[in-house]
């Protein structure tokens, strides 16, 4: 009788571990998918930042008065 109870507890423990591993695997995959951005998005964000930086530089250059010598 005790042997069958021991086997049942062991089976339940193995099943709980399997479920826990599966839940951890799914959580890890969801986190990895959320943190990783596709290549196109990374590339476009870099291009956009570069464009905005260039635009800011040109705006600041045009906002400065052009000082020339009167020679």
PDB file of N, CA and C in Angstrom:
ATOM      1  N   UNK A   1       0.815  -1.191   0.000  1.00  0.00           N
ATOM      2  CA  UNK A   1       0.000   0.000   0.000  1.00  0.00           C
ATOM      3  C   UNK A   1       0.870   1.272   0.000  1.00  0.00           C
ATOM      4  N   UNK A   2       1.891   1.291   0.843  1.00  0.00           N
ATOM      5  CA  UNK A   2       2.753   2.464   0.894  1.00  0.00           C
ATOM      6  C   UNK A   2       3.536   2.656  -0.407  1.00  0.00           C
ATOM      7  N   UNK A   3       3.864   1.552  -1.049  1.00  0.00           N
ATOM      8  CA  UNK A   3       4.606   1.629  -2.303  1.00  0.00           C
ATOM      9  C   UNK A   3       3.762   2.315  -3.379  1.00  0.00           C
ATOM     10  N   UNK A   4       2.477   2.025  -3.424  1.00  0.00           N
ATOM     11  CA  UNK A   4       1.616   2.645  -4.436  1.00  0.00           C
ATOM     12  C   UNK A   4       1.420   4.138  -4.153  1.00  0.00           C
ATOM     13  N   UNK A   5       1.337   4.495  -2.884  1.00  0.00           N
ATOM     14  CA  UNK A   5       1.213   5.920  -2.516  1.00  0.00           C
ATOM     15  C   UNK A   5       2.494   6.655  -2.876  1.00  0.00           C
ATOM     16  N   UNK A   6       3.629   6.004  -2.622  1.00  0.00           N
ATOM     17  CA  UNK A   6       4.916   6.609  -2.947  1.00  0.00           C
ATOM     18  C   UNK A   6       5.044   6.816  -4.462  1.00  0.00           C
ATOM     19  N   UNK A   7       4.629   5.819  -5.251  1.00  0.00           N
ATOM     20  CA  UNK A   7       4.672   5.969  -6.711  1.00  0.00           C
ATOM     21  C   UNK A   7       3.749   7.086  -7.172  1.00  0.00           C
ATOM     22  N   UNK A   8       2.567   7.190  -6.581  1.00  0.00           N
ATOM     23  CA  UNK A   8       1.621   8.243  -6.974  1.00  0.00           C
ATOM     24  C   UNK A   8       2.172   9.629  -6.637  1.00  0.00           C
ATOM     25  N   UNK A   9       2.766   9.780  -5.460  1.00  0.00           N
ATOM     26  CA  UNK A   9       3.363  11.064  -5.083  1.00  0.00           C
ATOM     27  C   UNK A   9       4.530  11.414  -6.011  1.00  0.00           C
ATOM     28  N   UNK A  10       5.313  10.428  -6.361  1.00  0.00           N
ATOM     29  CA  UNK A  10       6.434  10.649  -7.271  1.00  0.00           C
ATOM     30  C   UNK A  10       5.925  11.076  -8.647  1.00  0.00           C
ATOM     31  N   UNK A  11       4.868  10.441  -9.139  1.00  0.00           N
ATOM     32  CA  UNK A  11       4.285  10.803 -10.427  1.00  0.00           C
ATOM     33  C   UNK A  11       3.736  12.227 -10.394  1.00  0.00           C
ATOM     34  N   UNK A  12       3.052  12.577  -9.309  1.00  0.00           N
ATOM     35  CA  UNK A  12       2.508  13.936  -9.182  1.00  0.00           C
ATOM     36  C   UNK A  12       3.629  14.970  -9.151  1.00  0.00           C
ATOM     37  N   UNK A  13       4.713  14.645  -8.443  1.00  0.00           N
ATOM     38  CA  UNK A  13       5.849  15.561  -8.349  1.00  0.00           C
ATOM     39  C   UNK A  13       6.484  15.773  -9.734  1.00  0.00           C
ATOM     40  N   UNK A  14       6.665  14.683 -10.485  1.00  0.00           N
ATOM     41  CA  UNK A  14       7.218  14.813 -11.840  1.00  0.00           C
ATOM     42  C   UNK A  14       6.313  15.665 -12.725  1.00  0.00           C
ATOM     43  N   UNK A  15       5.005  15.478 -12.613  1.00  0.00           N
ATOM     44  CA  UNK A  15       4.059  16.245 -13.417  1.00  0.00           C
ATOM     45  C   UNK A  15       4.102  17.733 -13.041  1.00  0.00           C
ATOM     46  N   UNK A  16       4.215  18.040 -11.767  1.00  0.00           N
ATOM     47  CA  UNK A  16       4.322  19.434 -11.323  1.00  0.00           C
ATOM     48  C   UNK A  16       5.596  20.082 -11.872  1.00  0.00           C
ATOM     49  N   UNK A  17       6.688  19.323 -11.864  1.00  0.00           N
ATOM     50  CA  UNK A  17       7.949  19.854 -12.399  1.00  0.00           C
ATOM     51  C   UNK A  17       7.809  20.116 -13.892  1.00  0.00           C
ATOM     52  N   UNK A  18       7.195  19.190 -14.631  1.00  0.00           N
ATOM     53  CA  UNK A  18       6.988  19.395 -16.074  1.00  0.00           C
ATOM     54  C   UNK A  18       6.169  20.653 -16.341  1.00  0.00           C
ATOM     55  N   UNK A  19       5.102  20.831 -15.573  1.00  0.00           N
ATOM     56  CA  UNK A  19       4.261  22.013 -15.767  1.00  0.00           C
ATOM     57  C   UNK A  19       5.022  23.291 -15.449  1.00  0.00           C
ATOM     58  N   UNK A  20       5.823  23.263 -14.403  1.00  0.00           N
ATOM     59  CA  UNK A  20       6.616  24.435 -14.026  1.00  0.00           C
ATOM     60  C   UNK A  20       7.655  24.766 -15.103  1.00  0.00           C
ATOM     61  N   UNK A  21       8.301  23.751 -15.638  1.00  0.00           N
ATOM     62  CA  UNK A  21       9.287  23.966 -16.699  1.00  0.00           C
ATOM     63  C   UNK A  21       8.609  24.545 -17.935  1.00  0.00           C
ATOM     64  N   UNK A  22       7.443  24.018 -18.286  1.00  0.00           N
ATOM     65  CA  UNK A  22       6.725  24.526 -19.458  1.00  0.00           C
ATOM     66  C   UNK A  22       6.315  25.986 -19.255  1.00  0.00           C
ATOM     67  N   UNK A  23       5.848  26.327 -18.067  1.00  0.00           N
ATOM     68  CA  UNK A  23       5.449  27.708 -17.785  1.00  0.00           C
ATOM     69  C   UNK A  23       6.656  28.642 -17.845  1.00  0.00           C
ATOM     70  N   UNK A  24       7.786  28.205 -17.293  1.00  0.00           N
ATOM     71  CA  UNK A  24       9.006  29.022 -17.341  1.00  0.00           C
ATOM     72  C   UNK A  24       9.492  29.196 -18.775  1.00  0.00           C
ATOM     73  N   UNK A  25       9.400  28.149 -19.572  1.00  0.00           N
ATOM     74  CA  UNK A  25       9.818  28.234 -20.968  1.00  0.00           C
ATOM     75  C   UNK A  25       8.959  29.237 -21.726  1.00  0.00           C
ATOM     76  N   UNK A  26       7.645  29.176 -21.526  1.00  0.00           N
ATOM     77  CA  UNK A  26       6.753  30.119 -22.196  1.00  0.00           C
ATOM     78  C   UNK A  26       6.998  31.548 -21.738  1.00  0.00           C
ATOM     79  N   UNK A  27       7.243  31.740 -20.455  1.00  0.00           N
ATOM     80  CA  UNK A  27       7.518  33.084 -19.939  1.00  0.00           C
ATOM     81  C   UNK A  27       8.818  33.623 -20.526  1.00  0.00           C
ATOM     82  N   UNK A  28       9.821  32.772 -20.650  1.00  0.00           N
ATOM     83  CA  UNK A  28      11.097  33.187 -21.232  1.00  0.00           C
ATOM     84  C   UNK A  28      10.956  33.545 -22.697  1.00  0.00           C
ATOM     85  N   UNK A  29      10.167  32.769 -23.435  1.00  0.00           N
ATOM     86  CA  UNK A  29       9.957  33.062 -24.853  1.00  0.00           C
ATOM     87  C   UNK A  29       9.200  34.375 -25.026  1.00  0.00           C
ATOM     88  N   UNK A  30       8.199  34.598 -24.194  1.00  0.00           N
ATOM     89  CA  UNK A  30       7.422  35.835 -24.285  1.00  0.00           C
ATOM     90  C   UNK A  30       8.311  37.040 -23.978  1.00  0.00           C
ATOM     91  N   UNK A  31       9.158  36.915 -22.976  1.00  0.00           N
ATOM     92  CA  UNK A  31      10.062  38.007 -22.615  1.00  0.00           C
ATOM     93  C   UNK A  31      11.062  38.265 -23.741  1.00  0.00           C
ATOM     94  N   UNK A  32      11.601  37.212 -24.324  1.00  0.00           N
ATOM     95  CA  UNK A  32      12.569  37.364 -25.410  1.00  0.00           C
ATOM     96  C   UNK A  32      11.914  37.997 -26.627  1.00  0.00           C
ATOM     97  N   UNK A  33      10.703  37.600 -26.939  1.00  0.00           N
ATOM     98  CA  UNK A  33       9.998  38.185 -28.087  1.00  0.00           C
ATOM     99  C   UNK A  33       9.671  39.650 -27.848  1.00  0.00           C
ATOM    100  N   UNK A  34       9.384  39.999 -26.608  1.00  0.00           N
ATOM    101  CA  UNK A  34       9.038  41.378 -26.294  1.00  0.00           C
ATOM    102  C   UNK A  34      10.275  42.273 -26.336  1.00  0.00           C
ATOM    103  N   UNK A  35      11.421  41.747 -25.911  1.00  0.00           N
ATOM    104  CA  UNK A  35      12.638  42.554 -25.847  1.00  0.00           C
ATOM    105  C   UNK A  35      13.320  42.685 -27.203  1.00  0.00           C
ATOM    106  N   UNK A  36      13.152  41.721 -28.065  1.00  0.00           N
ATOM    107  CA  UNK A  36      13.847  41.734 -29.344  1.00  0.00           C
ATOM    108  C   UNK A  36      13.015  42.482 -30.378  1.00  0.00           C
ATOM    109  N   UNK A  37      13.656  43.401 -31.087  1.00  0.00           N
ATOM    110  CA  UNK A  37      12.985  44.119 -32.158  1.00  0.00           C
ATOM    111  C   UNK A  37      13.489  43.586 -33.483  1.00  0.00           C
ATOM    112  N   UNK A  38      12.639  43.526 -34.482  1.00  0.00           N
ATOM    113  CA  UNK A  38      13.094  43.047 -35.785  1.00  0.00           C
ATOM    114  C   UNK A  38      14.182  43.952 -36.364  1.00  0.00           C
ATOM    115  N   UNK A  39      14.960  43.395 -37.278  1.00  0.00           N
ATOM    116  CA  UNK A  39      16.074  44.124 -37.887  1.00  0.00           C
ATOM    117  C   UNK A  39      15.586  45.389 -38.576  1.00  0.00           C
ATOM    118  N   UNK A  40      14.457  45.289 -39.264  1.00  0.00           N
ATOM    119  CA  UNK A  40      13.942  46.444 -40.006  1.00  0.00           C
ATOM    120  C   UNK A  40      13.622  47.591 -39.049  1.00  0.00           C
ATOM    121  N   UNK A  41      13.032  47.283 -37.910  1.00  0.00           N
ATOM    122  CA  UNK A  41      12.684  48.325 -36.936  1.00  0.00           C
ATOM    123  C   UNK A  41      13.947  48.962 -36.382  1.00  0.00           C
ATOM    124  N   UNK A  42      14.947  48.144 -36.067  1.00  0.00           N
ATOM    125  CA  UNK A  42      16.212  48.705 -35.559  1.00  0.00           C
ATOM    126  C   UNK A  42      16.847  49.605 -36.603  1.00  0.00           C
ATOM    127  N   UNK A  43      16.856  49.167 -37.846  1.00  0.00           N
ATOM    128  CA  UNK A  43      17.468  49.932 -38.921  1.00  0.00           C
ATOM    129  C   UNK A  43      16.714  51.234 -39.152  1.00  0.00           C
ATOM    130  N   UNK A  44      15.394  51.166 -39.179  1.00  0.00           N
ATOM    131  CA  UNK A  44      14.596  52.370 -39.398  1.00  0.00           C
ATOM    132  C   UNK A  44      14.726  53.355 -38.239  1.00  0.00           C
ATOM    133  N   UNK A  45      14.781  52.841 -37.020  1.00  0.00           N
ATOM    134  CA  UNK A  45      14.923  53.753 -35.880  1.00  0.00           C
ATOM    135  C   UNK A  45      16.277  54.449 -35.922  1.00  0.00           C
ATOM    136  N   UNK A  46      17.326  53.738 -36.362  1.00  0.00           N
ATOM    137  CA  UNK A  46      18.637  54.355 -36.477  1.00  0.00           C
ATOM    138  C   UNK A  46      18.614  55.433 -37.560  1.00  0.00           C
ATOM    139  N   UNK A  47      17.991  55.137 -38.701  1.00  0.00           N
ATOM    140  CA  UNK A  47      17.900  56.120 -39.786  1.00  0.00           C
ATOM    141  C   UNK A  47      17.097  57.343 -39.346  1.00  0.00           C
ATOM    142  N   UNK A  48      16.008  57.122 -38.637  1.00  0.00           N
ATOM    143  CA  UNK A  48      15.186  58.234 -38.165  1.00  0.00           C
ATOM    144  C   UNK A  48      15.967  59.107 -37.192  1.00  0.00           C
ATOM    145  N   UNK A  49      16.683  58.490 -36.270  1.00  0.00           N
ATOM    146  CA  UNK A  49      17.484  59.262 -35.322  1.00  0.00           C
ATOM    147  C   UNK A  49      18.560  60.059 -36.056  1.00  0.00           C
ATOM    148  N   UNK A  50      19.172  59.463 -37.050  1.00  0.00           N
ATOM    149  CA  UNK A  50      20.197  60.153 -37.821  1.00  0.00           C
ATOM    150  C   UNK A  50      19.598  61.333 -38.585  1.00  0.00           C
ATOM    151  N   UNK A  51      18.419  61.134 -39.164  1.00  0.00           N
ATOM    152  CA  UNK A  51      17.740  62.207 -39.906  1.00  0.00           C
ATOM    153  C   UNK A  51      17.351  63.347 -38.965  1.00  0.00           C
ATOM    154  N   UNK A  52      16.785  62.997 -37.817  1.00  0.00           N
ATOM    155  CA  UNK A  52      16.376  64.034 -36.867  1.00  0.00           C
ATOM    156  C   UNK A  52      17.579  64.799 -36.344  1.00  0.00           C
ATOM    157  N   UNK A  53      18.695  64.111 -36.125  1.00  0.00           N
ATOM    158  CA  UNK A  53      19.912  64.770 -35.668  1.00  0.00           C
ATOM    159  C   UNK A  53      20.425  65.731 -36.744  1.00  0.00           C
ATOM    160  N   UNK A  54      20.406  65.310 -37.986  1.00  0.00           N
ATOM    161  CA  UNK A  54      20.857  66.164 -39.084  1.00  0.00           C
ATOM    162  C   UNK A  54      19.932  67.369 -39.230  1.00  0.00           C
ATOM    163  N   UNK A  55      18.636  67.141 -39.053  1.00  0.00           N
ATOM    164  CA  UNK A  55      17.670  68.228 -39.160  1.00  0.00           C
ATOM    165  C   UNK A  55      17.880  69.241 -38.035  1.00  0.00           C
ATOM    166  N   UNK A  56      18.149  68.759 -36.834  1.00  0.00           N
ATOM    167  CA  UNK A  56      18.392  69.638 -35.696  1.00  0.00           C
ATOM    168  C   UNK A  56      19.649  70.472 -35.920  1.00  0.00           C
ATOM    169  N   UNK A  57      20.676  69.853 -36.453  1.00  0.00           N
ATOM    170  CA  UNK A  57      21.927  70.570 -36.718  1.00  0.00           C
ATOM    171  C   UNK A  57      21.698  71.651 -37.770  1.00  0.00           C
ATOM    172  N   UNK A  58      20.949  71.344 -38.831  1.00  0.00           N
ATOM    173  CA  UNK A  58      20.717  72.341 -39.875  1.00  0.00           C
ATOM    174  C   UNK A  58      19.835  73.483 -39.376  1.00  0.00           C
ATOM    175  N   UNK A  59      18.873  73.170 -38.502  1.00  0.00           N
ATOM    176  CA  UNK A  59      18.027  74.227 -37.928  1.00  0.00           C
ATOM    177  C   UNK A  59      18.847  75.151 -37.043  1.00  0.00           C
ATOM    178  N   UNK A  60      19.740  74.582 -36.250  1.00  0.00           N
ATOM    179  CA  UNK A  60      20.547  75.428 -35.374  1.00  0.00           C
ATOM    180  C   UNK A  60      21.530  76.266 -36.195  1.00  0.00           C
ATOM    181  N   UNK A  61      21.996  75.749 -37.309  1.00  0.00           N
ATOM    182  CA  UNK A  61      22.914  76.511 -38.160  1.00  0.00           C
ATOM    183  C   UNK A  61      22.177  77.662 -38.831  1.00  0.00           C
ATOM    184  N   UNK A  62      20.939  77.445 -39.238  1.00  0.00           N
ATOM    185  CA  UNK A  62      20.192  78.513 -39.894  1.00  0.00           C
ATOM    186  C   UNK A  62      19.669  79.533 -38.884  1.00  0.00           C
ATOM    187  N   UNK A  63      19.552  79.158 -37.625  1.00  0.00           N
ATOM    188  CA  UNK A  63      19.059  80.074 -36.596  1.00  0.00           C
ATOM    189  C   UNK A  63      20.156  81.044 -36.147  1.00  0.00           C
ATOM    190  N   UNK A  64      21.410  80.640 -36.301  1.00  0.00           N
ATOM    191  CA  UNK A  64      22.515  81.523 -35.913  1.00  0.00           C
ATOM    192  C   UNK A  64      22.672  82.644 -36.934  1.00  0.00           C
ATOM    193  N   UNK A  65      22.919  83.821 -36.478  1.00  0.00           N
ATOM    194  CA  UNK A  65      23.144  84.901 -37.449  1.00  0.00           C
ATOM    195  C   UNK A  65      24.469  84.672 -38.167  1.00  0.00           C
ATOM    196  N   UNK A  66      24.435  84.972 -39.430  1.00  0.00           N
ATOM    197  CA  UNK A  66      25.632  84.805 -40.249  1.00  0.00           C
ATOM    198  C   UNK A  66      26.479  86.059 -40.127  1.00  0.00           C
ATOM    199  N   UNK A  67      27.582  85.945 -39.433  1.00  0.00           N
ATOM    200  CA  UNK A  67      28.445  87.104 -39.186  1.00  0.00           C
ATOM    201  C   UNK A  67      29.568  87.064 -40.213  1.00  0.00           C
ATOM    202  N   UNK A  68      29.614  88.093 -41.018  1.00  0.00           N
ATOM    203  CA  UNK A  68      30.683  88.178 -42.005  1.00  0.00           C
ATOM    204  C   UNK A  68      31.449  89.466 -41.758  1.00  0.00           C
ATOM    205  N   UNK A  69      32.676  89.443 -42.128  1.00  0.00           N
ATOM    206  CA  UNK A  69      33.467  90.656 -41.948  1.00  0.00           C
ATOM    207  C   UNK A  69      33.146  91.634 -43.064  1.00  0.00           C
ATOM    208  N   UNK A  70      33.211  92.900 -42.797  1.00  0.00           N
ATOM    209  CA  UNK A  70      32.864  93.928 -43.750  1.00  0.00           C
ATOM    210  C   UNK A  70      34.004  94.318 -44.662  1.00  0.00           C
ATOM    211  N   UNK A  71      34.996  93.500 -44.830  1.00  0.00           N
ATOM    212  CA  UNK A  71      36.148  93.838 -45.683  1.00  0.00           C
ATOM    213  C   UNK A  71      35.790  93.714 -47.089  1.00  0.00           C
TER     214      UNK A  71
END
